[in-house]
Amino acid sequence: MNRVVFLGDFNVDLIMDGLEVPPVEDHEIGCSSFDIVMGSSSCIAAAAYARLGGSASVCGLCGADEFGAFMRARLSEAGVRTGLVLGAEALKTGVTVNLVRGRGRSQVTYPGAMGAFSAAHVPGRMFASLRHLHVSGVYQARSLLPDVAGILGRAADAGATLSLDCQWDPTERWENLDTWLPRVDWLFVNEQEARSMTGHAEPADQLRALASRTRRPVLKAGPAGAWIVDAGRERHVPGFVVQVVDAIGAGDNFDAALLYAVIEKAMDLPAAARFANAAAARSCTFRGGTDARSTYRDVIHFMESGAAAR
């Protein structure tokens, strides 16, 4: 049964941390650590949702290679169903290289199979028992862009609620955004994305502009927390102060936790946003987007443990 499906990007993350100096053209530099971990917004969010206690599936496209097998195995270990993930013999699984120096991070992505992912790879059975569809990372899945509106429409016709975290558009043109926004129940954006989408510098102004275009925009502001629209008013929900080990995947953990709180625990939006802030903050105390392995009780304990709110 596909209660909640996470659809979109699908790639591994290669993390090179502790760069001695910023990358320099035609120069070799060193780093202090290297890891291969589960990547992609959709997969990290699905794993987080399943670890919290929800029923999650991923729909995506990978290569029939070692990285594809790696991703399937890590998703299964997290309790995520992978029956909607297709393998393409002629393609390689997508890869993102993360170059991390202090709190700064540069990313280089090879789209591979996820660049070829389209509606043709979405099984019709996905819509039969769908409660919620979360679409993410669409600007890395370029072939999916023309199909997103149709997929959202089919999911809505099946009675599902919808959420979108489109991630950064390297072109900053935000293709098709005005077609998608009226359809979705939840829009997740960070400050940089919201600034580019709206042209506004202040979070309250960004949120107000987005609220005129979509039902429930949620603005993720990292350690500063989140901005939501509650009862028609912009509202700030404080975040939590932690010693950051790695911020990769924090936004995806936020998305998963807010959806879990609303769908599985019937929390109101301010409470769900606070729960999501806590899940995102806790994820930052572990390396990689999924190593926190936060259960519902883990997040509640974190909130009750005296972690300071900003």
Protein backbone atom coordinates (compact mmCIF):
# COMPACT_ATOMS: atom_id res chain seq x y z
CA MET A 1 0.00 0.00 0.00
CA ASN A 2 1.53 3.32 -1.08
CA ARG A 3 0.35 5.60 1.68
CA VAL A 4 2.98 8.32 1.20
CA VAL A 5 5.17 8.44 -1.90
CA PHE A 6 8.32 10.55 -2.36
CA LEU A 7 8.94 11.17 -6.07
CA GLY A 8 11.72 12.98 -7.89
CA ASP A 9 15.52 13.04 -7.72
CA PHE A 10 17.53 9.87 -7.02
CA ASN A 11 21.30 9.98 -6.45
CA VAL A 12 24.12 9.04 -4.11
CA ASP A 13 26.10 11.69 -2.21
CA LEU A 14 29.88 11.65 -2.18
CA ILE A 15 30.99 13.84 0.73
CA MET A 16 34.50 15.29 0.90
CA ASP A 17 34.68 17.15 4.21
CA GLY A 18 37.32 19.31 5.83
CA LEU A 19 38.74 20.88 2.67
CA GLU A 20 42.08 22.48 3.49
CA VAL A 21 41.39 25.42 1.17
CA PRO A 22 38.58 26.27 -1.26
CA PRO A 23 38.75 24.43 -4.61
CA VAL A 24 41.22 26.08 -6.99
CA GLU A 25 41.34 25.49 -10.74
CA ASP A 26 44.27 23.29 -11.84
CA HIS A 27 45.34 22.67 -8.23
CA GLU A 28 45.00 19.53 -6.13
CA ILE A 29 43.82 20.09 -2.57
CA GLY A 30 43.23 17.76 0.36
CA CYS A 31 40.32 16.97 2.67
CA SER A 32 40.04 15.25 6.03
CA SER A 33 37.20 12.76 5.37
CA PHE A 34 35.30 11.01 2.60
CA ASP A 35 31.95 9.20 2.72
CA ILE A 36 29.47 7.65 0.30
CA VAL A 37 25.92 8.08 1.63
CA MET A 38 22.33 8.12 0.46
CA GLY A 39 21.61 11.33 -1.41
CA SER A 40 18.72 13.10 -3.14
CA SER A 41 16.00 15.14 -1.53
CA SER A 42 13.27 12.59 -2.22
CA CYS A 43 15.19 9.61 -0.81
CA ILE A 44 16.48 11.39 2.30
CA ALA A 45 12.97 12.65 3.07
CA ALA A 46 11.46 9.19 2.51
CA ALA A 47 14.01 7.58 4.82
CA ALA A 48 13.35 10.20 7.50
CA TYR A 49 9.57 9.70 7.21
CA ALA A 50 9.93 5.93 7.55
CA ARG A 51 12.32 6.19 10.52
CA LEU A 52 9.82 8.44 12.30
CA GLY A 53 7.28 5.64 11.97
CA GLY A 54 5.41 6.35 8.74
CA SER A 55 4.80 4.19 5.67
CA ALA A 56 6.90 5.57 2.80
CA SER A 57 7.70 4.60 -0.78
CA VAL A 58 10.10 6.15 -3.29
CA CYS A 59 9.36 6.55 -6.99
CA GLY A 60 12.41 7.28 -9.13
CA LEU A 61 14.88 6.05 -11.72
CA CYS A 62 18.37 4.68 -11.10
CA GLY A 63 21.00 2.87 -13.10
CA ALA A 64 21.49 -0.88 -12.99
CA ASP A 65 24.83 -0.34 -11.27
CA GLU A 66 26.52 -0.47 -7.87
CA PHE A 67 25.27 2.97 -6.84
CA GLY A 68 21.71 1.99 -7.75
CA ALA A 69 22.01 -1.16 -5.65
CA PHE A 70 23.55 0.90 -2.84
CA MET A 71 20.58 3.31 -2.83
CA ARG A 72 17.99 0.53 -2.88
CA ALA A 73 19.73 -1.21 0.02
CA ARG A 74 19.95 1.95 2.14
CA LEU A 75 16.29 2.78 1.48
CA SER A 76 15.23 -0.73 2.46
CA GLU A 77 17.33 -0.55 5.64
CA ALA A 78 15.41 2.62 6.55
CA GLY A 79 12.08 0.86 6.03
CA VAL A 80 11.26 2.54 2.70
CA ARG A 81 9.48 0.56 0.01
CA THR A 82 11.39 0.56 -3.30
CA GLY A 83 8.93 -1.24 -5.58
CA LEU A 84 8.32 2.01 -7.50
CA VAL A 85 12.04 2.51 -8.25
CA LEU A 86 12.93 1.45 -11.79
CA GLY A 87 16.40 0.52 -13.02
CA ALA A 88 17.71 1.61 -16.42
CA GLU A 89 20.32 -0.71 -17.97
CA ALA A 90 21.81 1.93 -20.25
CA LEU A 91 22.12 4.70 -17.63
CA LYS A 92 24.21 5.39 -14.55
CA THR A 93 22.77 6.33 -11.18
CA GLY A 94 23.01 10.05 -10.41
CA VAL A 95 25.85 11.32 -8.22
CA THR A 96 26.32 14.53 -6.23
CA VAL A 97 29.81 15.42 -5.01
CA ASN A 98 29.68 17.59 -1.86
CA LEU A 99 32.78 19.67 -1.13
CA VAL A 100 32.54 20.85 2.47
CA ARG A 101 34.78 23.42 4.15
CA GLY A 102 33.58 24.60 7.56
CA ARG A 103 29.93 25.54 7.16
CA GLY A 104 30.34 26.20 3.44
CA ARG A 105 29.39 23.60 0.87
CA SER A 106 29.73 23.36 -2.91
CA GLN A 107 27.96 20.67 -4.90
CA VAL A 108 28.52 19.16 -8.34
CA THR A 109 25.80 16.85 -9.65
CA TYR A 110 25.92 14.30 -12.45
CA PRO A 111 22.19 13.68 -13.15
CA GLY A 112 22.56 10.29 -14.81
CA ALA A 113 19.31 8.31 -14.69
CA MET A 114 17.45 10.95 -12.72
CA GLY A 115 17.93 13.34 -15.62
CA ALA A 116 15.97 10.88 -17.78
CA PHE A 117 13.20 10.26 -15.21
CA SER A 118 9.76 11.15 -16.60
CA ALA A 119 6.08 10.29 -16.28
CA ALA A 120 6.77 7.22 -18.44
CA HIS A 121 8.63 5.75 -15.43
CA VAL A 122 5.79 6.36 -12.94
CA PRO A 123 3.74 3.15 -12.55
CA GLY A 124 -0.02 3.65 -12.69
CA ARG A 125 -0.42 1.49 -9.57
CA MET A 126 1.21 4.28 -7.55
CA PHE A 127 -2.02 6.30 -7.66
CA ALA A 128 -4.30 3.46 -6.56
CA SER A 129 -3.65 3.68 -2.83
CA LEU A 130 -2.01 7.07 -2.53
CA ARG A 131 -2.63 9.22 0.55
CA HIS A 132 0.04 11.86 0.00
CA LEU A 133 2.54 12.64 -2.78
CA HIS A 134 5.71 14.61 -2.07
CA VAL A 135 7.60 15.79 -5.17
CA SER A 136 11.16 17.10 -4.82
CA GLY A 137 14.36 17.88 -6.66
CA VAL A 138 12.58 18.44 -9.96
CA TYR A 139 15.15 20.83 -11.41
CA GLN A 140 17.75 18.05 -11.34
CA ALA A 141 15.25 15.67 -13.00
CA ARG A 142 14.97 17.80 -16.15
CA SER A 143 12.92 15.31 -18.16
CA LEU A 144 10.33 15.32 -15.39
CA LEU A 145 9.62 19.06 -15.60
CA PRO A 146 6.94 18.90 -18.32
CA ASP A 147 5.23 16.00 -16.51
CA VAL A 148 5.01 17.34 -12.95
CA ALA A 149 1.66 19.11 -13.43
CA GLY A 150 0.09 15.96 -14.87
CA ILE A 151 1.44 13.79 -12.05
CA LEU A 152 0.14 16.24 -9.44
CA GLY A 153 -3.23 16.26 -11.18
CA ARG A 154 -3.49 12.46 -11.23
CA ALA A 155 -2.56 12.29 -7.55
CA ALA A 156 -5.15 14.94 -6.64
CA ASP A 157 -7.80 13.09 -8.67
CA ALA A 158 -6.93 9.97 -6.66
CA GLY A 159 -7.75 11.90 -3.47
CA ALA A 160 -4.15 12.46 -2.31
CA THR A 161 -2.78 15.61 -0.73
CA LEU A 162 0.31 17.12 -2.35
CA SER A 163 3.58 18.75 -1.33
CA LEU A 164 6.48 20.19 -3.30
CA ASP A 165 10.10 20.96 -2.50
CA CYS A 166 11.47 21.79 -5.92
CA GLN A 167 14.99 22.59 -4.60
CA TRP A 168 17.26 25.11 -6.29
CA ASP A 169 16.84 25.94 -9.97
CA PRO A 170 20.34 26.64 -11.36
CA THR A 171 18.79 28.78 -14.10
CA GLU A 172 16.68 30.75 -11.57
CA ARG A 173 13.88 30.78 -14.14
CA TRP A 174 11.68 28.51 -11.98
CA GLU A 175 10.03 26.91 -14.98
CA ASN A 176 6.40 25.78 -14.51
CA LEU A 177 6.30 27.02 -10.90
CA ASP A 178 3.12 29.04 -11.44
CA THR A 179 1.44 25.93 -12.84
CA TRP A 180 2.41 23.80 -9.85
CA LEU A 181 1.84 26.19 -6.95
CA PRO A 182 -1.99 26.38 -7.13
CA ARG A 183 -2.15 22.57 -7.10
CA VAL A 184 -0.05 21.78 -4.02
CA ASP A 185 -1.19 21.75 -0.40
CA TRP A 186 2.34 22.37 0.95
CA LEU A 187 5.27 24.24 -0.57
CA PHE A 188 8.65 23.90 1.15
CA VAL A 189 11.35 26.47 0.33
CA ASN A 190 14.50 27.78 1.96
CA GLU A 191 15.46 31.45 2.20
CA GLN A 192 17.71 31.45 -0.86
CA GLU A 193 15.04 29.81 -3.01
CA ALA A 194 12.33 32.13 -1.68
CA ARG A 195 14.48 35.19 -2.38
CA SER A 196 15.00 34.10 -5.97
CA MET A 197 11.34 33.17 -6.47
CA THR A 198 9.88 36.37 -5.00
CA GLY A 199 12.57 39.05 -5.26
CA HIS A 200 12.10 39.88 -1.56
CA ALA A 201 14.92 39.90 0.99
CA GLU A 202 12.95 39.52 4.25
CA PRO A 203 11.34 36.18 5.23
CA ALA A 204 7.99 37.72 6.15
CA ASP A 205 7.79 39.43 2.75
CA GLN A 206 8.86 36.25 0.97
CA LEU A 207 6.21 34.23 2.77
CA ARG A 208 3.51 36.82 2.07
CA ALA A 209 4.35 36.77 -1.64
CA LEU A 210 4.30 32.98 -1.79
CA ALA A 211 1.04 32.81 0.18
CA SER A 212 -0.62 34.76 -2.61
CA ARG A 213 0.37 31.96 -5.03
CA THR A 214 -0.06 28.72 -3.07
CA ARG A 215 -2.05 27.34 -0.10
CA ARG A 216 0.53 26.65 2.61
CA PRO A 217 4.05 27.92 1.97
CA VAL A 218 6.60 26.88 4.60
CA LEU A 219 9.86 28.85 4.65
CA LYS A 220 12.82 26.98 6.15
CA ALA A 221 15.33 29.33 7.77
CA GLY A 222 17.88 26.85 9.14
CA PRO A 223 18.88 27.52 12.77
CA ALA A 224 16.50 30.49 12.83
CA GLY A 225 13.56 28.09 12.52
CA ALA A 226 10.68 28.34 10.08
CA TRP A 227 8.05 30.77 8.83
CA ILE A 228 4.50 29.55 8.28
CA VAL A 229 1.09 31.01 7.45
CA ASP A 230 -1.29 30.20 10.31
CA ALA A 231 -4.89 31.48 10.37
CA GLY A 232 -4.04 33.87 7.55
CA ARG A 233 -1.06 35.45 9.33
CA GLU A 234 2.69 35.05 8.87
CA ARG A 235 4.19 33.39 11.92
CA HIS A 236 7.76 32.60 12.96
CA VAL A 237 8.43 29.27 14.73
CA PRO A 238 11.86 29.35 16.49
CA GLY A 239 14.52 26.77 15.72
CA PHE A 240 16.98 24.95 17.98
CA VAL A 241 20.64 25.62 18.74
CA VAL A 242 22.95 22.64 18.15
CA GLN A 243 26.61 22.00 17.46
CA VAL A 244 26.46 21.35 13.73
CA VAL A 245 28.35 18.32 12.44
CA ASP A 246 26.78 18.28 8.97
CA ALA A 247 23.80 20.21 7.60
CA ILE A 248 23.35 18.00 4.51
CA GLY A 249 19.74 16.80 4.34
CA ALA A 250 18.48 18.98 7.18
CA GLY A 251 15.83 20.55 4.94
CA ASP A 252 14.67 17.13 3.76
CA ASN A 253 14.40 15.93 7.37
CA PHE A 254 12.32 19.05 8.05
CA ASP A 255 9.94 18.25 5.16
CA ALA A 256 9.51 14.65 6.28
CA ALA A 257 8.94 15.56 9.91
CA LEU A 258 6.34 18.23 9.17
CA LEU A 259 4.44 15.89 6.85
CA TYR A 260 4.65 13.08 9.43
CA ALA A 261 3.42 15.36 12.20
CA VAL A 262 0.43 16.50 10.13
CA ILE A 263 -0.46 13.21 8.42
CA GLU A 264 0.33 10.65 11.12
CA LYS A 265 -0.03 12.66 14.34
CA ALA A 266 -2.69 15.23 13.33
CA MET A 267 -0.67 18.10 14.82
CA ASP A 268 -1.70 21.66 14.08
CA LEU A 269 0.70 23.61 11.87
CA PRO A 270 2.63 25.52 14.58
CA ALA A 271 3.23 22.29 16.53
CA ALA A 272 4.18 20.43 13.35
CA ALA A 273 6.65 23.18 12.40
CA ARG A 274 8.28 23.06 15.85
CA PHE A 275 8.56 19.25 15.57
CA ALA A 276 10.09 19.66 12.10
CA ASN A 277 12.57 22.26 13.39
CA ALA A 278 13.66 19.78 16.06
CA ALA A 279 14.04 16.90 13.58
CA ALA A 280 16.12 19.11 11.26
CA ALA A 281 18.31 20.36 14.12
CA ARG A 282 18.88 16.82 15.41
CA SER A 283 19.87 15.66 11.92
CA CYS A 284 22.61 18.34 11.90
CA THR A 285 24.35 16.61 14.81
CA PHE A 286 25.09 13.57 12.59
CA ARG A 287 27.05 13.15 9.37
CA GLY A 288 25.03 12.79 6.17
CA GLY A 289 21.33 13.28 5.61
CA THR A 290 20.17 9.96 7.10
CA ASP A 291 22.62 9.01 9.87
CA ALA A 292 20.45 10.59 12.58
CA ARG A 293 17.88 7.78 12.10
CA SER A 294 15.46 9.82 14.18
CA THR A 295 12.38 8.05 15.49
CA TYR A 296 9.34 9.96 16.71
CA ARG A 297 10.44 9.38 20.31
CA ASP A 298 13.97 10.58 19.49
CA VAL A 299 12.64 13.91 18.26
CA ILE A 300 10.28 14.31 21.22
CA HIS A 301 13.15 13.54 23.61
CA PHE A 302 15.33 16.09 21.79
CA MET A 303 12.60 18.72 22.24
CA GLU A 304 12.24 17.89 25.93
CA SER A 305 15.97 17.65 26.64
CA GLY A 306 16.52 21.36 27.08
CA ALA A 307 17.81 22.09 23.57
CA ALA A 308 17.69 25.85 23.37
CA ALA A 309 15.24 27.49 20.99
CA ARG A 310 16.43 30.58 19.14
